[in-house]
């Protein structure tokens, strides 16, 4: 665990996949073709706290959805890359834009399409219910499943490693 905390202490940017990480991976469509997704409120609050602590947050997802656009805007996340069938170019563009090295980045994924990025970052994270190959190549696996607190797990781990978690929690204890 010390190795994971050391890696987490170096993180300046965390990138999340959406389906299967910020949601439970199910795709729900209405009769009109409208797509629906369920996000966990604790994940969103963890992402907000992490941003407040100084770590940038981004999204790279293969699908495009107005729901994702709305949710990310609501969370103040400006680095949103949707419709990325090949995720690696978006990753390379984002780290170049932010002038970061791959070892300063954490990536959270759940399926094999996430591996090209996960194999390059400083902290590769798999959700508790990730595909076996993804879990095998992750540095750390969240206790919670995608869409059920996995994002909060990694946000708090990074904040703990960087010494910012207690400060973020203190206002709720006053």
Protein backbone atom coordinates (compact mmCIF):
# COMPACT_ATOMS: atom_id res chain seq x y z
CA UNK A 1 0.00 0.00 0.00
CA UNK A 2 2.95 2.37 0.62
CA UNK A 3 3.83 2.12 -3.08
CA UNK A 4 0.26 3.09 -4.04
CA UNK A 5 0.27 6.06 -1.66
CA UNK A 6 3.63 7.18 -3.09
CA UNK A 7 2.19 7.03 -6.63
CA UNK A 8 -0.98 8.85 -5.50
CA UNK A 9 1.06 11.63 -3.90
CA UNK A 10 2.50 12.50 -7.34
CA UNK A 11 -0.87 12.90 -9.09
CA UNK A 12 -1.74 16.28 -10.64
CA UNK A 13 -4.52 15.02 -12.94
CA UNK A 14 -7.02 12.19 -12.67
CA UNK A 15 -8.93 10.98 -15.70
CA UNK A 16 -12.11 8.94 -15.44
CA UNK A 17 -13.85 6.75 -17.97
CA UNK A 18 -17.62 7.20 -17.70
CA UNK A 19 -19.58 4.02 -18.46
CA UNK A 20 -18.65 1.42 -15.86
CA UNK A 21 -16.65 3.91 -13.74
CA UNK A 22 -18.86 6.93 -13.04
CA UNK A 23 -21.93 4.81 -13.85
CA UNK A 24 -22.66 1.15 -13.30
CA UNK A 25 -22.06 0.54 -17.01
CA UNK A 26 -25.65 -0.09 -18.01
CA UNK A 27 -26.95 1.88 -20.99
CA UNK A 28 -30.58 2.89 -20.51
CA UNK A 29 -32.57 4.26 -23.44
CA UNK A 30 -36.09 5.66 -23.50
CA UNK A 31 -38.59 4.93 -26.26
CA UNK A 32 -37.57 8.22 -27.86
CA UNK A 33 -33.92 7.14 -28.04
CA UNK A 34 -32.93 9.43 -25.17
CA UNK A 35 -30.02 8.01 -23.17
CA UNK A 36 -30.12 7.96 -19.37
CA UNK A 37 -27.28 7.44 -16.90
CA UNK A 38 -27.21 7.28 -13.12
CA UNK A 39 -24.31 8.96 -11.32
CA UNK A 40 -23.55 8.51 -7.63
CA UNK A 41 -23.70 11.77 -5.68
CA UNK A 42 -20.77 10.78 -3.42
CA UNK A 43 -18.58 10.30 -6.49
CA UNK A 44 -19.43 13.82 -7.63
CA UNK A 45 -18.66 15.30 -4.23
CA UNK A 46 -15.34 13.44 -4.15
CA UNK A 47 -14.44 14.87 -7.56
CA UNK A 48 -15.31 18.38 -6.38
CA UNK A 49 -13.20 17.99 -3.22
CA UNK A 50 -10.29 16.65 -5.26
CA UNK A 51 -10.45 19.64 -7.62
CA UNK A 52 -10.55 22.00 -4.64
CA UNK A 53 -7.43 20.29 -3.29
CA UNK A 54 -5.57 21.20 -6.50
CA UNK A 55 -5.83 18.03 -8.59
CA UNK A 56 -7.30 18.50 -12.07
CA UNK A 57 -10.09 16.14 -13.17
CA UNK A 58 -10.83 14.99 -16.70
CA UNK A 59 -13.09 12.58 -18.56
CA UNK A 60 -12.27 10.46 -21.59
CA UNK A 61 -15.14 8.33 -22.83
CA UNK A 62 -15.91 6.39 -25.97
CA UNK A 63 -19.56 7.42 -26.08
CA UNK A 64 -21.08 10.87 -26.51
CA UNK A 65 -23.94 11.94 -24.30
CA UNK A 66 -25.67 15.20 -23.38
CA UNK A 67 -26.18 13.72 -19.90
CA UNK A 68 -22.40 13.42 -19.43
CA UNK A 69 -21.89 16.96 -20.74
CA UNK A 70 -24.47 18.25 -18.26
CA UNK A 71 -23.08 16.29 -15.29
CA UNK A 72 -19.47 17.35 -15.94
CA UNK A 73 -20.49 20.99 -16.32
CA UNK A 74 -22.39 20.65 -13.01
CA UNK A 75 -19.19 19.36 -11.35
CA UNK A 76 -17.01 22.08 -12.88
CA UNK A 77 -14.98 19.60 -14.94
CA UNK A 78 -13.63 21.33 -18.03
CA UNK A 79 -11.48 18.55 -19.51
CA UNK A 80 -14.18 16.46 -21.18
CA UNK A 81 -13.40 14.26 -24.18
CA UNK A 82 -16.44 12.38 -25.47
CA UNK A 83 -16.80 10.14 -28.52
CA UNK A 84 -13.20 8.91 -28.21
CA UNK A 85 -13.23 5.43 -29.74
CA UNK A 86 -9.43 5.55 -29.46
CA UNK A 87 -8.77 7.12 -26.06
CA UNK A 88 -4.99 7.42 -26.25
CA UNK A 89 -4.89 10.49 -28.56
CA UNK A 90 -7.19 12.41 -26.18
CA UNK A 91 -4.94 11.42 -23.25
CA UNK A 92 -1.83 12.62 -25.08
CA UNK A 93 -3.54 15.88 -26.06
CA UNK A 94 -4.70 16.53 -22.49
CA UNK A 95 -1.35 15.91 -20.80
CA UNK A 96 0.39 18.07 -23.41
CA UNK A 97 -2.17 20.85 -22.81
CA UNK A 98 -1.58 20.68 -19.03
CA UNK A 99 2.19 20.18 -19.45
CA UNK A 100 2.20 16.99 -17.38
CA UNK A 101 4.19 13.79 -17.54
CA UNK A 102 2.31 10.45 -17.63
CA UNK A 103 3.54 9.57 -14.13
CA UNK A 104 1.65 12.63 -12.79
CA UNK A 105 -1.64 11.20 -14.04
CA UNK A 106 -4.08 8.69 -12.59
CA UNK A 107 -6.60 6.94 -14.82
CA UNK A 108 -9.66 5.02 -13.67
CA UNK A 109 -11.07 2.38 -16.00
CA UNK A 110 -13.12 -0.78 -16.03
CA UNK A 111 -12.79 -2.38 -19.46
CA UNK A 112 -10.10 -3.34 -21.97
CA UNK A 113 -10.57 -0.14 -24.00
CA UNK A 114 -9.03 1.67 -21.01
CA UNK A 115 -5.80 -0.33 -21.02
CA UNK A 116 -3.83 1.77 -23.57
CA UNK A 117 -3.98 4.71 -21.13
CA UNK A 118 -3.75 2.64 -17.96
CA UNK A 119 -0.47 1.10 -19.13
CA UNK A 120 1.10 4.58 -19.46
CA UNK A 121 0.03 6.47 -16.33
CA UNK A 122 1.62 6.80 -12.92
CA UNK A 123 -1.43 5.39 -11.15
CA UNK A 124 -3.70 2.97 -13.01
CA UNK A 125 -6.93 2.26 -11.13
CA UNK A 126 -9.55 -0.40 -11.85
CA UNK A 127 -13.04 -0.43 -10.38
CA UNK A 128 -13.97 -3.32 -8.07
CA UNK A 129 -16.01 -4.88 -10.88
CA UNK A 130 -13.53 -4.26 -13.71
CA UNK A 131 -12.75 -6.81 -16.38
CA UNK A 132 -10.15 -9.30 -15.11
CA UNK A 133 -7.48 -8.13 -17.56
CA UNK A 134 -7.95 -4.52 -16.46
CA UNK A 135 -7.74 -5.50 -12.79
CA UNK A 136 -4.55 -7.44 -13.51
CA UNK A 137 -2.86 -4.38 -15.03
CA UNK A 138 -4.05 -1.86 -12.42
CA UNK A 139 -1.84 -0.57 -9.64
CA UNK A 140 -4.89 -0.40 -7.36
CA UNK A 141 -8.49 -1.57 -7.43
CA UNK A 142 -11.29 0.39 -5.74
CA UNK A 143 -13.29 -1.24 -2.96
CA UNK A 144 -16.54 -0.06 -4.61
CA UNK A 145 -17.97 -0.87 -8.03
CA UNK A 146 -18.33 1.58 -10.89
CA UNK A 147 -21.21 4.00 -10.34
CA UNK A 148 -21.37 2.96 -6.69
CA UNK A 149 -18.57 4.95 -5.09
CA UNK A 150 -15.47 3.89 -7.04
CA UNK A 151 -14.64 7.48 -8.01
CA UNK A 152 -14.96 8.63 -4.41
CA UNK A 153 -12.60 5.81 -3.34
CA UNK A 154 -9.78 7.03 -5.57
CA UNK A 155 -10.42 10.73 -4.89
CA UNK A 156 -10.04 10.13 -1.17
CA UNK A 157 -6.98 7.91 -1.65
CA UNK A 158 -5.22 10.66 -3.61
CA UNK A 159 -6.22 13.30 -1.08
CA UNK A 160 -5.00 11.09 1.79
CA UNK A 161 -1.66 10.57 0.03
CA UNK A 162 -1.31 14.30 -0.61
CA UNK A 163 -2.28 15.31 2.92
CA UNK A 164 -5.44 17.18 1.92
CA UNK A 165 -8.21 14.80 3.01
CA UNK A 166 -8.44 15.86 6.67
CA UNK A 167 -8.64 19.53 5.66
CA UNK A 168 -11.40 18.73 3.15
CA UNK A 169 -13.41 16.82 5.76
CA UNK A 170 -12.96 19.31 8.62
CA UNK A 171 -15.80 21.69 7.63
CA UNK A 172 -18.26 18.81 8.02
CA UNK A 173 -17.06 18.18 11.58
CA UNK A 174 -17.32 21.78 12.81
